[in-house]
Protein backbone atom coordinates (compact mmCIF):
# COMPACT_ATOMS: atom_id res chain seq x y z
CA MET A 1 57.54 174.20 56.33
CA LYS A 2 59.74 172.42 53.77
CA ASN A 3 62.76 172.62 56.05
CA ARG A 4 60.81 171.11 58.93
CA LEU A 5 59.63 168.27 56.68
CA ASN A 6 63.18 167.56 55.48
CA ARG A 7 64.46 167.47 59.05
CA ALA A 8 61.70 165.04 60.02
CA LEU A 9 62.45 162.74 57.09
CA SER A 10 66.16 162.79 57.99
CA SER A 11 65.41 161.77 61.56
CA VAL A 12 63.25 158.89 60.37
CA ALA A 13 66.03 157.73 58.03
CA VAL A 14 68.57 157.77 60.83
CA ILE A 15 66.28 155.76 63.09
CA MET A 16 65.61 153.17 60.36
CA THR A 17 69.33 152.85 59.66
CA VAL A 18 70.10 152.20 63.33
CA VAL A 19 67.32 149.59 63.54
CA LEU A 20 68.59 147.89 60.39
CA LEU A 21 72.15 147.75 61.74
CA LEU A 22 70.96 146.26 65.01
CA VAL A 23 69.00 143.58 63.17
CA ILE A 24 71.99 142.72 60.99
CA ALA A 25 74.28 142.56 64.02
CA ASN A 26 72.00 140.07 65.74
CA VAL A 27 71.43 137.88 62.69
CA MET A 28 74.80 137.71 61.01
CA PRO A 29 77.50 135.38 62.35
CA PRO A 30 80.92 136.70 63.42
CA LEU A 31 82.94 138.13 60.57
CA ASP A 32 84.95 135.43 58.87
CA VAL A 33 88.04 137.61 58.83
CA SER A 34 88.35 137.15 62.62
CA VAL A 35 87.87 133.39 62.65
CA TRP A 36 91.32 132.60 64.16
CA ALA A 37 92.41 134.64 67.19
CA LYS A 38 95.99 135.84 67.07
CA SER A 39 98.49 136.66 69.79
CA SER A 40 101.62 138.73 69.90
CA VAL A 41 104.87 137.47 71.43
CA SER A 42 107.83 139.58 72.45
CA ALA A 43 111.44 138.46 72.70
CA SER A 44 111.39 139.36 76.38
CA ASP A 45 109.13 136.36 77.06
CA ALA A 46 112.08 133.96 76.96
CA VAL A 47 114.38 133.08 79.86
CA SER A 48 118.01 133.16 78.83
CA GLY A 49 119.50 129.68 78.79
CA SER A 50 116.17 128.09 79.68
CA ASP A 51 114.83 124.97 78.08
CA LYS A 52 111.52 125.45 79.84
CA ALA A 53 108.97 127.88 78.41
CA VAL A 54 107.91 131.08 80.15
CA PRO A 55 104.18 131.48 80.86
CA TYR A 56 102.45 133.51 78.13
CA VAL A 57 99.53 135.61 79.27
CA ASN A 58 99.03 138.34 76.64
CA ARG A 59 96.32 136.68 74.55
CA ILE A 60 94.19 138.90 72.23
CA ASN A 61 90.70 137.90 71.06
CA PHE A 62 89.17 139.64 68.03
CA PHE A 63 85.70 138.11 68.18
CA LYS A 64 82.80 140.47 67.70
CA ASN A 65 79.94 138.94 69.67
CA PRO A 66 79.90 138.52 73.45
CA ILE A 67 81.05 134.97 74.31
CA THR A 68 79.37 132.77 76.90
CA PRO A 69 80.79 129.54 78.39
CA LYS A 70 79.55 126.40 76.65
CA ALA A 71 80.68 123.81 79.17
CA SER A 72 81.94 123.68 82.75
CA GLY A 73 84.86 121.62 83.98
CA MET A 74 88.38 121.40 82.62
CA LEU A 75 88.88 119.27 79.52
CA THR A 76 92.51 118.32 79.03
CA HIS A 77 94.53 117.13 76.05
CA VAL A 78 98.15 116.01 76.34
CA THR A 79 100.43 116.96 73.48
CA SER A 80 104.13 117.23 72.69
CA ASN A 81 106.43 119.18 70.40
CA GLY A 82 105.56 118.44 66.74
CA ASP A 83 102.23 116.72 67.47
CA SER A 84 99.15 117.53 65.38
CA ILE A 85 95.48 116.78 66.01
CA SER A 86 92.35 117.68 64.11
CA VAL A 87 89.40 119.34 65.81
CA SER A 88 87.18 116.36 65.04
CA ALA A 89 89.75 113.94 66.49
CA LEU A 90 90.16 116.13 69.59
CA PHE A 91 86.40 116.29 70.19
CA SER A 92 86.18 112.52 69.78
CA GLU A 93 89.07 111.99 72.24
CA LEU A 94 87.33 114.20 74.82
CA GLY A 95 83.96 112.50 74.28
CA LEU A 96 82.30 115.72 73.15
CA GLU A 97 79.04 115.79 71.20
CA GLU A 98 79.73 119.23 69.70
CA ASP A 99 79.89 119.39 65.90
CA PRO A 100 83.43 120.33 64.78
CA ASP A 101 81.94 121.93 61.64
CA LYS A 102 80.22 124.46 63.88
CA VAL A 103 83.56 125.78 65.16
CA THR A 104 84.12 129.29 63.83
CA GLY A 105 87.30 130.16 65.66
CA ILE A 106 90.09 128.90 67.89
CA SER A 107 91.82 131.27 70.28
CA CYS A 108 95.31 130.05 71.16
CA ASN A 109 98.83 131.09 72.04
CA THR A 110 100.55 131.29 68.64
CA ARG A 111 103.92 130.91 70.32
CA TYR A 112 103.13 127.25 70.89
CA PHE A 113 100.38 126.39 68.39
CA ASP A 114 99.47 126.75 64.73
CA VAL A 115 95.95 126.25 63.39
CA ASP A 116 95.67 125.18 59.72
CA THR A 117 92.95 123.82 57.48
CA GLY A 118 93.42 120.18 56.55
CA GLU A 119 91.85 118.01 53.90
CA GLY A 120 88.07 118.16 53.94
CA GLY A 121 88.16 121.49 55.73
CA ASP A 122 88.88 120.05 59.21
CA ARG A 123 90.97 122.32 61.38
CA ILE A 124 94.40 120.99 62.40
CA ILE A 125 96.09 122.12 65.64
CA LYS A 126 99.87 121.70 65.59
CA THR A 127 102.15 122.02 68.62
CA ARG A 128 105.11 124.16 67.56
CA ARG A 129 107.37 123.73 70.60
CA SER A 130 107.53 122.46 74.17
CA PHE A 131 105.87 124.48 76.91
CA ASP A 132 105.69 124.09 80.68
CA THR A 133 102.49 126.06 81.22
CA LEU A 134 98.88 124.92 81.05
CA GLU A 135 97.66 126.41 77.76
CA THR A 136 93.97 127.09 77.19
CA LEU A 137 92.68 126.78 73.63
CA THR A 138 89.21 128.29 73.33
CA PHE A 139 86.87 126.99 70.63
CA GLU A 140 84.15 129.42 69.46
CA PHE A 141 80.95 128.15 67.88
CA GLU A 142 78.41 129.62 65.47
CA ASP A 143 75.97 130.37 68.29
CA GLY A 144 78.59 132.52 70.03
CA SER A 145 79.32 130.03 72.82
CA THR A 146 82.80 128.86 73.71
CA LEU A 147 84.53 125.69 74.87
CA PRO A 148 87.90 125.92 76.69
CA VAL A 149 90.30 122.97 76.46
CA ILE A 150 93.54 122.73 78.42
CA PHE A 151 96.59 121.63 76.41
CA LYS A 152 99.54 120.35 78.45
CA ASP A 153 102.93 119.13 77.30
CA SER A 154 103.69 115.44 77.91
CA LEU A 155 107.27 116.46 78.69
CA TYR A 156 106.07 117.89 82.03
CA VAL A 157 104.52 115.30 84.33
CA THR A 158 102.54 115.54 87.55
CA ASN A 159 102.89 111.87 88.49
CA LEU A 160 106.28 111.61 90.18
CA ALA A 161 106.48 107.81 89.94
CA PRO A 162 108.50 107.72 86.66
CA LEU A 163 110.93 110.29 88.09
CA CYS A 164 111.45 108.42 91.37
CA THR A 165 115.02 107.10 91.54
CA ASP A 166 114.85 105.37 94.93
CA VAL A 167 112.68 104.74 97.97
CA SER A 168 114.24 103.53 101.21
CA ILE A 169 113.21 103.17 104.83
CA LEU A 170 115.16 102.84 108.07
CA ILE A 171 113.83 100.11 110.37
CA ASN A 172 115.60 99.12 113.58
CA GLY A 173 118.92 100.50 112.33
CA LYS A 174 118.81 98.80 108.92
CA THR A 175 118.00 100.49 105.59
CA TYR A 176 115.65 98.71 103.20
CA SER A 177 115.74 100.11 99.64
CA GLN A 178 113.63 99.33 96.60
CA ASN A 179 116.85 99.37 94.55
CA SER A 180 118.66 96.96 96.85
CA GLN A 181 120.03 93.78 95.31
CA GLU A 182 119.40 92.05 98.62
CA THR A 183 116.45 89.72 99.02
CA PHE A 184 114.57 90.60 102.18
CA ASP A 185 113.79 87.13 103.43
CA GLU A 186 113.55 87.88 107.14
CA SER A 187 110.45 89.16 108.90
CA VAL A 188 111.07 92.59 110.36
CA PRO A 189 109.51 93.40 113.77
CA VAL A 190 107.80 96.80 113.84
CA SER A 191 105.41 98.71 116.05
CA GLY A 192 102.40 100.56 114.70
CA LYS A 193 102.98 103.23 117.34
CA LYS A 194 106.51 104.11 116.24
CA LEU A 195 107.53 106.52 113.47
CA TYR A 196 109.87 105.36 110.72
CA ASP A 197 111.69 107.58 108.21
CA LEU A 198 110.90 106.97 104.55
CA SER A 199 113.30 108.64 102.08
CA ILE A 200 112.17 109.25 98.48
CA ASP A 201 114.52 110.54 95.74
CA PHE A 202 113.32 112.24 92.53
CA ALA A 203 115.26 113.49 89.50
CA GLU A 204 114.33 114.95 86.12
CA LEU A 205 115.15 113.16 82.87
CA PRO A 206 115.97 114.77 79.51
CA ASP A 207 112.64 113.62 78.08
CA MET A 208 110.58 114.00 81.28
CA GLN A 209 110.44 117.02 83.56
CA PHE A 210 108.66 118.10 86.74
CA SER A 211 105.51 120.02 85.90
CA ASP A 212 106.13 123.62 86.93
CA TYR A 213 102.56 124.90 87.28
CA GLU A 214 100.66 121.90 88.61
CA GLN A 215 100.63 119.88 91.81
CA LEU A 216 102.87 116.83 91.76
CA VAL A 217 101.69 113.59 93.35
CA PHE A 218 103.38 110.40 94.52
CA THR A 219 101.78 107.27 95.95
CA LEU A 220 103.51 106.01 99.10
CA PRO A 221 104.43 102.32 99.38
CA ASP A 222 101.68 99.98 100.56
CA GLY A 223 101.99 99.40 104.30
CA PHE A 224 103.35 102.91 105.05
CA VAL A 225 101.08 105.79 106.05
CA LEU A 226 101.61 109.28 107.41
CA PRO A 227 100.12 110.39 110.75
CA ASP A 228 96.54 111.66 110.78
CA ASP A 229 97.69 115.12 111.86
CA PHE A 230 100.31 115.45 109.10
CA ASN A 231 98.53 118.34 107.34
CA GLU A 232 98.09 120.23 110.61
CA LEU A 233 101.81 120.96 110.55
CA ASN A 234 103.74 122.90 107.92
CA HIS A 235 105.90 120.50 105.90
CA THR A 236 108.29 122.05 103.38
CA PHE A 237 111.49 121.16 101.52
CA GLU A 238 114.19 122.88 99.46
CA ILE A 239 115.62 122.17 96.04
CA ASP A 240 118.95 123.30 94.59
CA MET A 241 119.08 124.51 90.98
CA ALA A 242 121.84 123.98 88.43
CA LEU A 243 121.57 127.67 87.45
CA GLY A 244 122.26 128.64 91.04
CA GLY A 245 120.14 129.50 94.03
CA ARG A 246 117.72 127.41 96.00
CA LEU A 247 113.94 127.17 95.78
CA LYS A 248 112.72 127.04 99.38
CA ASN A 249 109.39 126.51 101.14
CA ASN A 250 107.95 124.06 98.66
CA LYS A 251 104.93 122.55 100.40
CA ILE A 252 104.08 118.91 101.09
CA THR A 253 100.55 117.78 101.94
CA TYR A 254 99.00 114.34 102.34
CA ASP A 255 95.83 112.73 101.01
CA LYS A 256 95.10 109.91 103.44
CA ALA A 257 92.28 108.45 101.31
CA THR A 258 94.66 107.71 98.42
CA ASN A 259 97.90 107.50 100.48
CA LYS A 260 99.50 110.11 98.23
CA VAL A 261 101.80 113.01 99.01
CA ILE A 262 101.23 116.23 97.08
CA VAL A 263 103.98 118.70 96.21
CA ASP A 264 103.34 122.39 95.49
CA TRP A 265 106.18 124.55 94.20
CA ASN A 266 106.77 127.92 95.82
CA ARG A 267 106.08 130.29 92.91
CA ASP A 268 106.08 133.39 95.13
CA ASP A 269 109.89 133.62 94.90
CA THR A 270 109.87 134.46 91.18
CA THR A 271 113.66 134.60 90.78
CA ALA A 272 114.27 131.19 92.35
CA PHE A 273 111.23 129.72 90.61
CA ASN A 274 112.38 130.90 87.17
CA ASN A 275 115.82 129.43 87.88
CA PHE A 276 114.08 126.17 88.71
CA ARG A 277 112.07 126.34 85.49
CA GLY A 278 115.29 126.92 83.59
CA SER A 279 116.83 123.72 84.91
CA SER A 280 116.36 120.38 83.15
CA THR A 281 118.29 118.38 85.77
CA ALA A 282 116.45 119.29 88.97
CA LYS A 283 116.27 116.72 91.75
CA PHE A 284 115.09 116.57 95.34
CA THR A 285 114.53 114.21 98.27
CA LEU A 286 111.55 113.92 100.59
CA VAL A 287 112.05 112.43 104.06
CA LEU A 288 108.72 111.53 105.66
CA SER A 289 108.15 110.14 109.16
CA GLY A 290 105.24 107.73 109.19
CA ASN A 291 103.85 104.48 110.51
CA LEU A 292 104.17 100.88 109.42
CA ASP A 293 101.26 98.53 109.98
CA PRO A 294 102.36 95.15 111.34
CA ASN A 295 98.81 93.85 110.85
CA TYR A 296 99.10 94.56 107.12
CA GLY A 297 102.14 92.32 107.23
CA LYS A 298 104.33 93.87 104.54
CA LEU A 299 105.80 96.97 103.00
CA ILE A 300 105.53 96.93 99.19
CA PHE A 301 107.75 99.15 97.04
CA SER A 302 106.64 100.23 93.56
CA THR A 303 109.29 97.93 92.09
CA GLY A 304 107.48 94.96 93.62
CA LYS A 305 110.15 94.35 96.24
CA GLU A 306 108.57 93.55 99.62
CA VAL A 307 109.62 93.68 103.25
CA SER A 308 107.72 91.30 105.55
CA LEU A 309 106.52 92.95 108.75
CA VAL A 310 105.56 91.37 112.06
CA GLN A 311 104.42 92.85 115.35
CA GLU A 312 107.22 93.64 117.76
CA ASN A 313 107.16 91.31 120.74
CA LEU A 314 106.57 94.09 123.24
CA HIS A 315 106.09 93.24 126.90
CA ASN A 316 107.36 96.36 128.63
CA ALA A 317 106.00 97.87 131.81
CA SER A 318 107.35 101.28 132.72
CA VAL A 319 106.95 103.02 136.07
CA VAL A 320 106.76 106.73 136.85
CA LYS A 321 106.50 107.94 140.43
CA ASN A 322 105.32 111.39 141.51
CA ALA A 323 105.05 112.84 145.00
CA SER A 324 104.17 115.97 146.91
CA TYR A 325 105.21 116.80 150.47
CA ALA A 326 102.99 118.11 153.22
CA PRO A 327 104.06 118.47 156.86
CA TYR A 328 104.90 115.07 158.29
CA GLN A 329 103.67 113.09 155.26
CA ILE A 330 104.32 112.42 151.60
CA ASN A 331 101.58 111.82 149.02
CA TYR A 332 102.70 109.32 146.39
CA GLU A 333 101.35 108.46 142.95
CA ILE A 334 102.72 105.58 140.88
CA LEU A 335 101.81 105.21 137.19
CA VAL A 336 102.43 101.84 135.56
CA THR A 337 102.18 101.91 131.73
CA SER A 338 102.09 98.78 129.60
CA ASP A 339 103.76 98.76 126.19
CA GLY A 340 102.32 95.65 124.62
CA THR A 341 100.55 92.96 126.63
CA THR A 342 102.10 92.26 130.03
CA GLU A 343 101.09 89.54 132.47
CA ASN A 344 101.63 88.56 136.09
CA LEU A 345 103.35 91.77 137.13
CA THR A 346 104.58 92.31 140.67
CA LEU A 347 105.17 95.86 141.86
CA THR A 348 107.35 96.29 144.96
CA ASP A 349 107.62 99.67 146.70
CA VAL A 350 110.17 99.82 149.55
CA MET A 351 110.04 102.68 152.08
CA GLY A 352 113.00 104.33 153.79
CA ILE A 353 113.49 103.79 157.52
CA ALA A 354 111.84 107.15 158.34
CA LEU A 355 108.70 106.41 156.29
CA ASN A 356 105.79 104.53 157.76
CA ASN A 357 103.79 101.90 155.93
CA PRO A 358 101.57 103.27 153.12
CA GLU A 359 98.03 104.28 154.09
CA ASN A 360 94.88 104.89 152.05
CA VAL A 361 96.18 102.77 149.18
CA THR A 362 93.98 102.98 146.07
CA VAL A 363 94.61 101.09 142.82
CA PHE A 364 92.67 101.66 139.58
CA PHE A 365 93.06 101.72 135.78
CA SER A 366 92.84 105.04 133.94
CA ASP A 367 89.66 105.75 131.98
CA ASP A 368 87.79 103.23 134.15
CA LYS A 369 89.10 100.34 132.09
CA HIS A 370 88.64 96.72 133.22
CA VAL A 371 86.22 97.69 135.98
CA GLY A 372 84.73 94.48 137.37
CA ASP A 373 86.96 92.25 135.22
CA GLU A 374 88.65 89.74 137.54
CA ALA A 375 91.29 88.89 134.90
CA TYR A 376 92.78 92.39 135.32
CA LYS A 377 91.99 93.09 138.99
CA PRO A 378 95.12 94.17 140.94
CA GLU A 379 95.70 92.66 144.37
CA ILE A 380 97.62 94.08 147.35
CA ILE A 381 99.78 91.13 148.39
CA SER A 382 101.34 92.77 151.44
CA ASN A 383 101.78 96.13 153.12
CA GLN A 384 104.07 95.68 156.10
CA ASP A 385 107.62 96.20 157.29
CA GLY A 386 107.98 99.24 155.02
CA THR A 387 107.20 97.33 151.85
CA LEU A 388 104.12 97.55 149.60
CA LYS A 389 103.59 94.70 147.14
CA ILE A 390 100.89 94.66 144.47
CA ARG A 391 100.19 91.90 141.97
CA ILE A 392 98.81 92.90 138.55
CA PRO A 393 97.44 89.87 136.64
CA LYS A 394 97.33 91.48 133.20
CA MET A 395 97.66 94.77 131.33
CA ASP A 396 96.81 95.45 127.71
CA ASP A 397 98.78 97.66 125.37
CA GLU A 398 98.75 101.30 126.57
CA ASP A 399 96.92 100.46 129.80
CA VAL A 400 97.81 102.80 132.67
CA LEU A 401 97.46 101.64 136.28
CA ASN A 402 97.28 104.28 139.02
CA ILE A 403 98.49 103.56 142.57
CA ARG A 404 98.08 106.27 145.21
CA TYR A 405 98.90 106.29 148.91
CA ILE A 406 100.17 108.40 151.83
CA SER A 407 103.27 107.69 153.92
CA ASP A 408 103.85 109.47 157.23
CA VAL A 409 107.34 110.75 158.06
CA ASP A 410 108.73 109.69 161.46
CA VAL A 411 110.98 112.65 162.31
CA ASN A 412 112.45 110.77 165.25
CA LYS A 413 114.22 108.51 162.77
CA ILE A 414 115.94 111.41 160.98
CA ALA A 415 119.38 112.50 162.20
CA ARG A 416 119.10 115.83 163.97
CA SER A 417 120.54 119.03 162.45
CA ALA A 418 120.98 117.36 159.08
CA ASN A 419 119.13 116.73 155.86
CA ALA A 420 117.34 113.43 155.57
CA THR A 421 119.32 110.77 153.75
CA PHE A 422 118.20 108.30 151.14
CA GLU A 423 118.37 105.53 153.70
CA GLU A 424 115.95 107.47 155.92
CA THR A 425 113.40 108.75 153.43
CA GLY A 426 114.36 106.92 150.27
CA ASN A 427 111.68 105.15 148.34
CA THR A 428 112.26 102.57 145.62
CA VAL A 429 109.65 101.09 143.31
CA ASN A 430 110.32 98.19 140.98
CA ILE A 431 108.19 96.05 138.71
CA VAL A 432 108.79 92.60 137.22
CA GLY A 433 106.72 90.42 134.93
CA ASP A 434 106.58 86.98 133.39
CA ASN A 435 106.63 88.00 129.72
CA ASP A 436 110.04 89.57 129.39
CA PRO A 437 112.18 90.04 132.53
CA SER A 438 114.67 92.14 130.54
CA ASP A 439 112.10 94.95 130.47
CA ASN A 440 112.04 95.38 134.23
CA GLU A 441 112.98 98.81 135.54
CA ALA A 442 113.72 100.15 139.00
CA PHE A 443 113.20 103.70 140.22
CA ALA A 444 114.73 105.32 143.27
CA TRP A 445 112.91 108.13 145.04
CA VAL A 446 114.62 110.55 147.39
CA SER A 447 112.91 113.32 149.31
CA SER A 448 115.37 115.68 150.92
CA ILE A 449 113.91 116.65 154.28
CA GLU A 450 115.62 118.97 156.76
CA PHE A 451 114.94 118.02 160.33
CA SER A 452 114.82 121.60 161.69
CA ASP A 453 111.58 122.54 159.92
CA ILE A 454 110.53 119.30 158.20
CA GLU A 455 110.33 120.74 154.70
CA LYS A 456 111.33 119.43 151.29
CA MET A 457 114.58 120.92 150.01
CA SER A 458 116.11 121.04 146.53
CA SER A 459 118.90 122.69 144.57
CA LYS A 460 116.40 125.34 143.34
CA PRO A 461 113.31 126.91 144.95
CA ARG A 462 110.04 125.06 144.44
CA THR A 463 106.67 124.75 146.11
CA SER A 464 105.85 122.07 148.59
CA GLU A 465 103.53 120.46 146.01
CA GLU A 466 106.13 120.22 143.24
CA THR A 467 106.78 116.83 141.69
CA VAL A 468 110.31 115.43 141.86
CA THR A 469 111.69 113.19 139.11
CA PRO A 470 113.01 109.77 140.17
CA THR A 471 116.38 108.19 139.56
CA ARG A 472 116.12 105.20 137.22
CA THR A 473 118.23 102.09 136.88
CA SER A 474 117.48 99.17 134.60
CA HIS A 475 119.20 95.79 134.82
CA GLY A 476 122.50 97.23 135.90
CA ARG A 477 122.37 100.01 133.25
CA SER A 478 122.71 103.43 134.83
CA LEU A 479 120.27 105.94 133.41
CA PRO A 480 120.50 109.74 133.87
CA THR A 481 119.91 110.69 137.51
CA ALA A 482 117.31 113.38 138.02
CA THR A 483 116.87 113.00 141.78
CA ARG A 484 117.58 116.03 143.87
């Protein structure tokens, strides 16, 4: 009986002890001995010959209670080697309402930071050395919550502007540079539809380095933009390192809203990336193909130097002619494309002696443009004696006019037992306009027809419906001949 009573009393004592310990654990704050988290650092963390720090990831936290996040979002403080800041000053800088006196611990990488107690008991955070990583200092509070703050070294920048050594652009064969001593007084004609190459040079300085673990950004000059589909393609560049090797496949993307390019280092190649981190004299060049806006009227470099832009005086009308052959007739299609505004165009299409006058002639603008507008309405001036003439009053930039017709082949006018000659079945189309006669172009069309079976021939097999490319001449300049 006594033994049973003693065992019962012992069980009750054990239960009361456990309950008491649980109450104490939930009431008492974290033990003061673990107020400042410590970290261990091994000599292997350093890169030989490197003046850039190696990322440190082996942080150890000794806090007793479970820790819950106190705030979302990334708060950032910029520091540099030798800087010091008190917790109260840091909280004030970040606009925090938290009471610095409620901070019970600061978890940090002791390789880069020291935490001391200053006058009045305020904690002082001192930066011991430069670092190229993004270091998180975690502040623990009496209620067990935490507040992470990112510390980054001012030596490593994400804004590439201060490390940009030159920006230049090639326009119409001439290079315009922001470092040029020349005053750009002339107005430069450009087209918003053309691509121009912008070259941007960057180089590290002894007291300013490329950030190794963040995206780098650079604002393009005003008046220059990249194509809308830029990010749909994979744009990369390479960078040579002083320690040897080359860091490849660094990525370039574009933020159209801010007109900024964004650079991401390729950290997957750890050997090349560590060599890059170990260099303090890295440099690279970006060459970007983009558009200039003549309506904006200028290209403005970051140095303030400007290049005045005006719209190119484009009045070009180009002609492309396609055809397909069927027995005894050829189906023609002429496409007239306007580059800029063109006016009072006359298209002349001359048939060979074995081709009859065009039949079923239809003329219309692509995409049903200018339907019912008399100012643009084409007019067939004549269609006789083997010549088709069409007047086009006006075409806007990028307008395409379609002309289709059929021409019968008179086999009696083709020499027997021989291929048809250009004189017999040749076909030449030419267009002239009032705006700029120098833009006129002439095309020669030849269909090689063998009298014996009246079929189209060529130097390689092709179907009877295959399109043949015309020969082109322009104002006495011979262009590559593609006629077969």
